Each structure stands twice: as structure tokens, then as C-alpha cells.
Amino acid sequence: MRIARQVVVFDAANLAEESTFWVGLLGGTVDTEDDWHSISVDGEPRMGIQLAPQHVPPDWPHGEPQQIHLDLYVDDITTAHAEAMALGARLLKPAEQLEAADRIVAADSGTCL
């Protein structure tokens, strides 16, 4: 089987808020429909945001329902952290509580820097 494209899709109660966060973080563009937003970077689809009106973000790491999260590897953790926070992320676990220089930040979908 040949997979032509792979796109991560997140559920979100607020499409505009979630897609604005990801467009800002990834540096892409968003195409909107009533119940779906497609995020592209350099003209390539990278992520989908699907309307789920009853969606409740998980309380990482033990939230119900447990969902996926993304690990994003960055060159400059301090700059990436500041950018994510400016876009509306929230700090879930301070760096001093982690084994490395990682910082756990999240949009409603969950993301680790």
C-alpha cells in the first residue's frame, strides 16, 4: 500500500482558536470550512482540525479521554517556548521537573517541546 499523504487531525471545540495556534506555531496557512480547518506549510497539508463541539482537552498526562500528543524537536527551546506561550499555549510541567531541557506546553490538543 502506498500512502499518498499523512495528516494529523485534532478534534477541537473551537476551530478558530486551535487552528490559529497551529498556524502561528508552524508558520503556515489555514483553509477553513464550517466543520474542518486544513493547515498547510509551504503549500503542503500538515494538519487538520475537526470540529468536535463536545471536545474537552485532556488534563495531561492523566486526562480522560487520553489522546495523542506531539513531540516537537526545536533548535532553540527558549525561543520556541516563548513563541508557543505567546500563541496561547500553557505550561504543563516546568523544565526543572524534567530529565532534559524539555518543556511541556500545550494547545488544547497537547504538545511537547
N, C-alpha and C. Protein backbone atom coordinates (compact mmCIF):
# COMPACT_ATOMS: atom_id res chain seq x y z
N MET A 1 0.84 -1.18 0.00
CA MET A 1 0.00 0.00 0.00
C MET A 1 0.89 1.24 0.00
N ARG A 2 0.56 2.17 -0.85
CA ARG A 2 1.26 3.45 -0.90
C ARG A 2 0.38 4.51 -0.26
N ILE A 3 0.89 5.17 0.74
CA ILE A 3 0.16 6.25 1.39
C ILE A 3 0.60 7.55 0.75
N ALA A 4 -0.34 8.23 0.13
CA ALA A 4 -0.02 9.45 -0.61
C ALA A 4 0.21 10.65 0.30
N ARG A 5 -0.46 10.67 1.44
CA ARG A 5 -0.35 11.82 2.34
C ARG A 5 -0.72 11.38 3.75
N GLN A 6 -0.04 11.91 4.71
CA GLN A 6 -0.36 11.66 6.11
C GLN A 6 -0.61 13.00 6.78
N VAL A 7 -1.75 13.14 7.41
CA VAL A 7 -2.10 14.39 8.07
C VAL A 7 -2.59 14.07 9.48
N VAL A 8 -2.04 14.73 10.47
CA VAL A 8 -2.52 14.61 11.84
C VAL A 8 -3.79 15.44 11.96
N VAL A 9 -4.83 14.87 12.59
CA VAL A 9 -6.09 15.57 12.76
C VAL A 9 -6.40 15.65 14.26
N PHE A 10 -6.70 16.86 14.71
CA PHE A 10 -7.10 17.08 16.09
C PHE A 10 -8.57 17.45 16.15
N ASP A 11 -9.26 16.98 17.17
CA ASP A 11 -10.60 17.45 17.47
C ASP A 11 -10.48 18.75 18.25
N ALA A 12 -11.43 19.64 18.06
CA ALA A 12 -11.42 20.91 18.79
C ALA A 12 -12.84 21.46 18.89
N ALA A 13 -13.16 22.00 20.05
CA ALA A 13 -14.46 22.65 20.23
C ALA A 13 -14.47 24.02 19.56
N ASN A 14 -13.30 24.65 19.46
CA ASN A 14 -13.17 25.97 18.86
C ASN A 14 -12.17 25.89 17.71
N LEU A 15 -12.66 25.75 16.50
CA LEU A 15 -11.79 25.59 15.33
C LEU A 15 -10.86 26.78 15.14
N ALA A 16 -11.39 27.98 15.25
CA ALA A 16 -10.58 29.18 15.00
C ALA A 16 -9.43 29.28 15.99
N GLU A 17 -9.70 29.05 17.26
CA GLU A 17 -8.66 29.15 18.29
C GLU A 17 -7.56 28.11 18.07
N GLU A 18 -7.96 26.87 17.83
CA GLU A 18 -6.98 25.79 17.65
C GLU A 18 -6.16 25.97 16.37
N SER A 19 -6.83 26.31 15.27
CA SER A 19 -6.08 26.46 14.02
C SER A 19 -5.19 27.71 14.05
N THR A 20 -5.62 28.77 14.70
CA THR A 20 -4.78 29.96 14.84
C THR A 20 -3.50 29.63 15.60
N PHE A 21 -3.62 28.84 16.66
CA PHE A 21 -2.44 28.42 17.42
C PHE A 21 -1.47 27.67 16.52
N TRP A 22 -1.96 26.66 15.79
CA TRP A 22 -1.08 25.83 14.97
C TRP A 22 -0.50 26.58 13.78
N VAL A 23 -1.27 27.45 13.15
CA VAL A 23 -0.74 28.25 12.04
C VAL A 23 0.38 29.14 12.55
N GLY A 24 0.19 29.73 13.72
CA GLY A 24 1.24 30.57 14.30
C GLY A 24 2.49 29.78 14.66
N LEU A 25 2.31 28.59 15.21
CA LEU A 25 3.44 27.77 15.63
C LEU A 25 4.20 27.19 14.44
N LEU A 26 3.47 26.73 13.43
CA LEU A 26 4.09 26.08 12.27
C LEU A 26 4.46 27.06 11.16
N GLY A 27 3.91 28.27 11.22
CA GLY A 27 4.19 29.25 10.17
C GLY A 27 3.47 28.95 8.88
N GLY A 28 2.28 28.42 8.98
CA GLY A 28 1.54 28.01 7.79
C GLY A 28 0.36 28.90 7.48
N THR A 29 -0.56 28.32 6.72
CA THR A 29 -1.81 28.98 6.35
C THR A 29 -2.96 28.03 6.68
N VAL A 30 -4.15 28.59 6.78
CA VAL A 30 -5.31 27.77 7.10
C VAL A 30 -6.39 27.97 6.04
N ASP A 31 -6.98 26.86 5.60
CA ASP A 31 -8.16 26.87 4.74
C ASP A 31 -9.31 26.41 5.61
N THR A 32 -10.41 27.18 5.61
CA THR A 32 -11.50 26.89 6.53
C THR A 32 -12.75 26.41 5.83
N GLU A 33 -13.43 25.50 6.49
CA GLU A 33 -14.78 25.07 6.16
C GLU A 33 -15.56 25.15 7.47
N ASP A 34 -16.86 24.91 7.42
CA ASP A 34 -17.67 25.04 8.63
C ASP A 34 -17.22 24.14 9.76
N ASP A 35 -16.84 22.90 9.45
CA ASP A 35 -16.51 21.94 10.49
C ASP A 35 -15.10 21.35 10.36
N TRP A 36 -14.25 22.01 9.57
CA TRP A 36 -12.92 21.48 9.30
C TRP A 36 -11.98 22.61 8.90
N HIS A 37 -10.79 22.63 9.46
CA HIS A 37 -9.74 23.55 9.04
C HIS A 37 -8.54 22.73 8.61
N SER A 38 -7.98 23.06 7.46
CA SER A 38 -6.76 22.41 6.96
C SER A 38 -5.60 23.38 7.09
N ILE A 39 -4.52 22.92 7.69
CA ILE A 39 -3.34 23.75 7.88
C ILE A 39 -2.25 23.25 6.94
N SER A 40 -1.72 24.17 6.15
CA SER A 40 -0.65 23.85 5.21
C SER A 40 0.60 24.64 5.56
N VAL A 41 1.75 24.03 5.30
CA VAL A 41 3.04 24.69 5.48
C VAL A 41 3.79 24.51 4.17
N ASP A 42 4.25 25.61 3.60
CA ASP A 42 4.93 25.59 2.30
C ASP A 42 4.06 24.91 1.24
N GLY A 43 2.75 25.15 1.31
CA GLY A 43 1.82 24.61 0.32
C GLY A 43 1.45 23.15 0.50
N GLU A 44 1.99 22.49 1.53
CA GLU A 44 1.71 21.08 1.78
C GLU A 44 0.80 20.92 2.99
N PRO A 45 -0.28 20.13 2.88
CA PRO A 45 -1.15 19.89 4.04
C PRO A 45 -0.37 19.20 5.16
N ARG A 46 -0.48 19.75 6.36
CA ARG A 46 0.25 19.19 7.50
C ARG A 46 -0.65 18.76 8.64
N MET A 47 -1.81 19.40 8.77
CA MET A 47 -2.64 19.14 9.93
C MET A 47 -4.09 19.48 9.62
N GLY A 48 -4.99 18.74 10.23
CA GLY A 48 -6.41 19.04 10.14
C GLY A 48 -6.96 19.31 11.53
N ILE A 49 -7.91 20.22 11.61
CA ILE A 49 -8.61 20.49 12.85
C ILE A 49 -10.08 20.23 12.57
N GLN A 50 -10.64 19.28 13.30
CA GLN A 50 -12.01 18.84 13.06
C GLN A 50 -12.90 19.35 14.19
N LEU A 51 -14.05 19.92 13.83
CA LEU A 51 -14.97 20.42 14.84
C LEU A 51 -15.55 19.27 15.65
N ALA A 52 -15.40 19.36 16.95
CA ALA A 52 -15.97 18.41 17.90
C ALA A 52 -16.53 19.25 19.05
N PRO A 53 -17.79 19.69 18.92
CA PRO A 53 -18.36 20.64 19.88
C PRO A 53 -18.26 20.21 21.34
N GLN A 54 -18.27 18.92 21.62
CA GLN A 54 -18.22 18.43 22.99
C GLN A 54 -16.79 18.12 23.46
N HIS A 55 -15.80 18.45 22.64
CA HIS A 55 -14.41 18.13 22.98
C HIS A 55 -13.97 18.83 24.26
N VAL A 56 -13.37 18.05 25.14
CA VAL A 56 -12.79 18.57 26.38
C VAL A 56 -11.31 18.21 26.35
N PRO A 57 -10.42 19.20 26.41
CA PRO A 57 -8.98 18.90 26.38
C PRO A 57 -8.58 17.99 27.53
N PRO A 58 -7.67 17.05 27.29
CA PRO A 58 -7.22 16.17 28.37
C PRO A 58 -6.38 16.94 29.38
N ASP A 59 -6.37 16.45 30.60
CA ASP A 59 -5.53 17.01 31.66
C ASP A 59 -4.26 16.18 31.70
N TRP A 60 -3.28 16.57 30.90
CA TRP A 60 -2.06 15.79 30.72
C TRP A 60 -1.36 15.54 32.05
N PRO A 61 -0.82 14.36 32.30
CA PRO A 61 -0.80 13.19 31.43
C PRO A 61 -1.90 12.20 31.74
N HIS A 62 -2.79 12.52 32.66
CA HIS A 62 -3.77 11.52 33.09
C HIS A 62 -5.19 11.87 32.69
N GLY A 63 -5.35 12.76 31.72
CA GLY A 63 -6.67 13.21 31.34
C GLY A 63 -7.51 12.11 30.71
N GLU A 64 -8.77 12.28 30.82
CA GLU A 64 -9.72 11.37 30.17
C GLU A 64 -10.52 12.19 29.17
N PRO A 65 -10.68 11.76 27.96
CA PRO A 65 -10.00 10.57 27.43
C PRO A 65 -8.55 10.90 27.09
N GLN A 66 -7.66 9.95 27.32
CA GLN A 66 -6.26 10.15 26.94
C GLN A 66 -6.18 10.21 25.42
N GLN A 67 -5.42 11.14 24.91
CA GLN A 67 -5.31 11.34 23.48
C GLN A 67 -3.85 11.41 23.09
N ILE A 68 -3.60 11.54 21.81
CA ILE A 68 -2.21 11.67 21.37
C ILE A 68 -1.66 13.03 21.77
N HIS A 69 -0.37 13.15 21.72
CA HIS A 69 0.28 14.45 21.83
C HIS A 69 1.43 14.45 20.84
N LEU A 70 1.92 15.61 20.53
CA LEU A 70 3.04 15.75 19.59
C LEU A 70 4.30 16.11 20.34
N ASP A 71 5.40 15.49 19.96
CA ASP A 71 6.72 15.89 20.42
C ASP A 71 7.35 16.69 19.29
N LEU A 72 7.64 17.96 19.52
CA LEU A 72 8.25 18.81 18.52
C LEU A 72 9.69 19.07 18.92
N TYR A 73 10.61 18.76 18.04
CA TYR A 73 12.03 18.96 18.30
C TYR A 73 12.45 20.29 17.68
N VAL A 74 13.01 21.16 18.50
CA VAL A 74 13.33 22.52 18.05
C VAL A 74 14.82 22.80 18.28
N ASP A 75 15.35 23.74 17.51
CA ASP A 75 16.75 24.13 17.66
C ASP A 75 16.99 25.01 18.88
N ASP A 76 16.02 25.85 19.19
CA ASP A 76 16.18 26.81 20.29
C ASP A 76 14.96 26.72 21.20
N ILE A 77 15.07 25.96 22.28
CA ILE A 77 13.94 25.71 23.17
C ILE A 77 13.42 26.99 23.81
N THR A 78 14.29 27.91 24.15
CA THR A 78 13.86 29.15 24.80
C THR A 78 12.98 29.97 23.87
N THR A 79 13.41 30.12 22.63
CA THR A 79 12.63 30.87 21.65
C THR A 79 11.33 30.15 21.32
N ALA A 80 11.40 28.84 21.10
CA ALA A 80 10.20 28.06 20.76
C ALA A 80 9.19 28.13 21.90
N HIS A 81 9.66 28.04 23.13
CA HIS A 81 8.77 28.12 24.28
C HIS A 81 8.07 29.47 24.33
N ALA A 82 8.83 30.54 24.14
CA ALA A 82 8.25 31.89 24.16
C ALA A 82 7.21 32.07 23.06
N GLU A 83 7.51 31.56 21.87
CA GLU A 83 6.57 31.67 20.75
C GLU A 83 5.29 30.88 21.04
N ALA A 84 5.43 29.66 21.55
CA ALA A 84 4.26 28.84 21.85
C ALA A 84 3.39 29.51 22.92
N MET A 85 4.02 30.04 23.95
CA MET A 85 3.27 30.70 25.02
C MET A 85 2.56 31.95 24.50
N ALA A 86 3.21 32.70 23.62
CA ALA A 86 2.60 33.90 23.04
C ALA A 86 1.39 33.55 22.18
N LEU A 87 1.38 32.33 21.64
CA LEU A 87 0.26 31.88 20.81
C LEU A 87 -0.87 31.28 21.63
N GLY A 88 -0.71 31.22 22.95
CA GLY A 88 -1.78 30.73 23.81
C GLY A 88 -1.54 29.38 24.45
N ALA A 89 -0.34 28.82 24.30
CA ALA A 89 -0.03 27.56 24.97
C ALA A 89 0.01 27.79 26.48
N ARG A 90 -0.06 26.73 27.23
CA ARG A 90 0.08 26.84 28.68
C ARG A 90 1.13 25.85 29.15
N LEU A 91 1.90 26.22 30.14
CA LEU A 91 2.95 25.38 30.67
C LEU A 91 2.34 24.29 31.54
N LEU A 92 2.64 23.04 31.21
CA LEU A 92 2.11 21.93 31.98
C LEU A 92 3.11 21.37 32.97
N LYS A 93 4.39 21.46 32.64
CA LYS A 93 5.42 20.94 33.53
C LYS A 93 6.68 21.76 33.34
N PRO A 94 7.15 22.44 34.38
CA PRO A 94 8.35 23.26 34.26
C PRO A 94 9.59 22.44 33.93
N ALA A 95 10.55 23.05 33.26
CA ALA A 95 11.77 22.38 32.82
C ALA A 95 12.52 21.75 33.99
N GLU A 96 12.52 22.38 35.15
CA GLU A 96 13.29 21.83 36.28
C GLU A 96 12.71 20.50 36.78
N GLN A 97 11.50 20.15 36.37
CA GLN A 97 10.90 18.87 36.76
C GLN A 97 11.12 17.79 35.71
N LEU A 98 11.85 18.10 34.67
CA LEU A 98 12.08 17.16 33.58
C LEU A 98 13.52 16.69 33.58
N GLU A 99 13.76 15.55 32.89
CA GLU A 99 15.10 14.97 32.85
C GLU A 99 16.05 15.75 31.95
N ALA A 100 15.53 16.41 30.94
CA ALA A 100 16.36 17.15 29.98
C ALA A 100 15.87 18.58 29.93
N ALA A 101 16.19 19.26 28.86
CA ALA A 101 15.79 20.66 28.71
C ALA A 101 14.39 20.79 28.11
N ASP A 102 13.64 19.68 28.08
CA ASP A 102 12.29 19.71 27.52
C ASP A 102 11.39 20.62 28.32
N ARG A 103 10.38 21.13 27.64
CA ARG A 103 9.33 21.88 28.31
C ARG A 103 8.02 21.35 27.78
N ILE A 104 7.12 21.06 28.65
CA ILE A 104 5.82 20.56 28.25
C ILE A 104 4.87 21.74 28.16
N VAL A 105 4.43 22.05 26.96
CA VAL A 105 3.46 23.11 26.74
C VAL A 105 2.33 22.52 25.92
N ALA A 106 1.17 23.17 25.94
CA ALA A 106 0.05 22.58 25.23
C ALA A 106 -0.89 23.61 24.66
N ALA A 107 -1.38 23.28 23.49
CA ALA A 107 -2.62 23.85 22.99
C ALA A 107 -3.66 22.88 23.54
N ASP A 108 -4.91 23.00 23.17
CA ASP A 108 -5.90 22.07 23.69
C ASP A 108 -5.61 20.63 23.28
N SER A 109 -4.88 20.44 22.20
CA SER A 109 -4.61 19.08 21.71
C SER A 109 -3.45 18.41 22.43
N GLY A 110 -2.53 19.17 22.96
CA GLY A 110 -1.38 18.60 23.66
C GLY A 110 -0.13 18.60 22.79
N THR A 111 0.93 19.20 23.28
CA THR A 111 2.17 19.30 22.53
C THR A 111 3.34 19.35 23.50
N CYS A 112 4.42 18.68 23.16
CA CYS A 112 5.64 18.75 23.97
C CYS A 112 6.73 19.40 23.14
N LEU A 113 7.42 20.37 23.71
CA LEU A 113 8.59 20.98 23.07
C LEU A 113 9.82 20.43 23.75
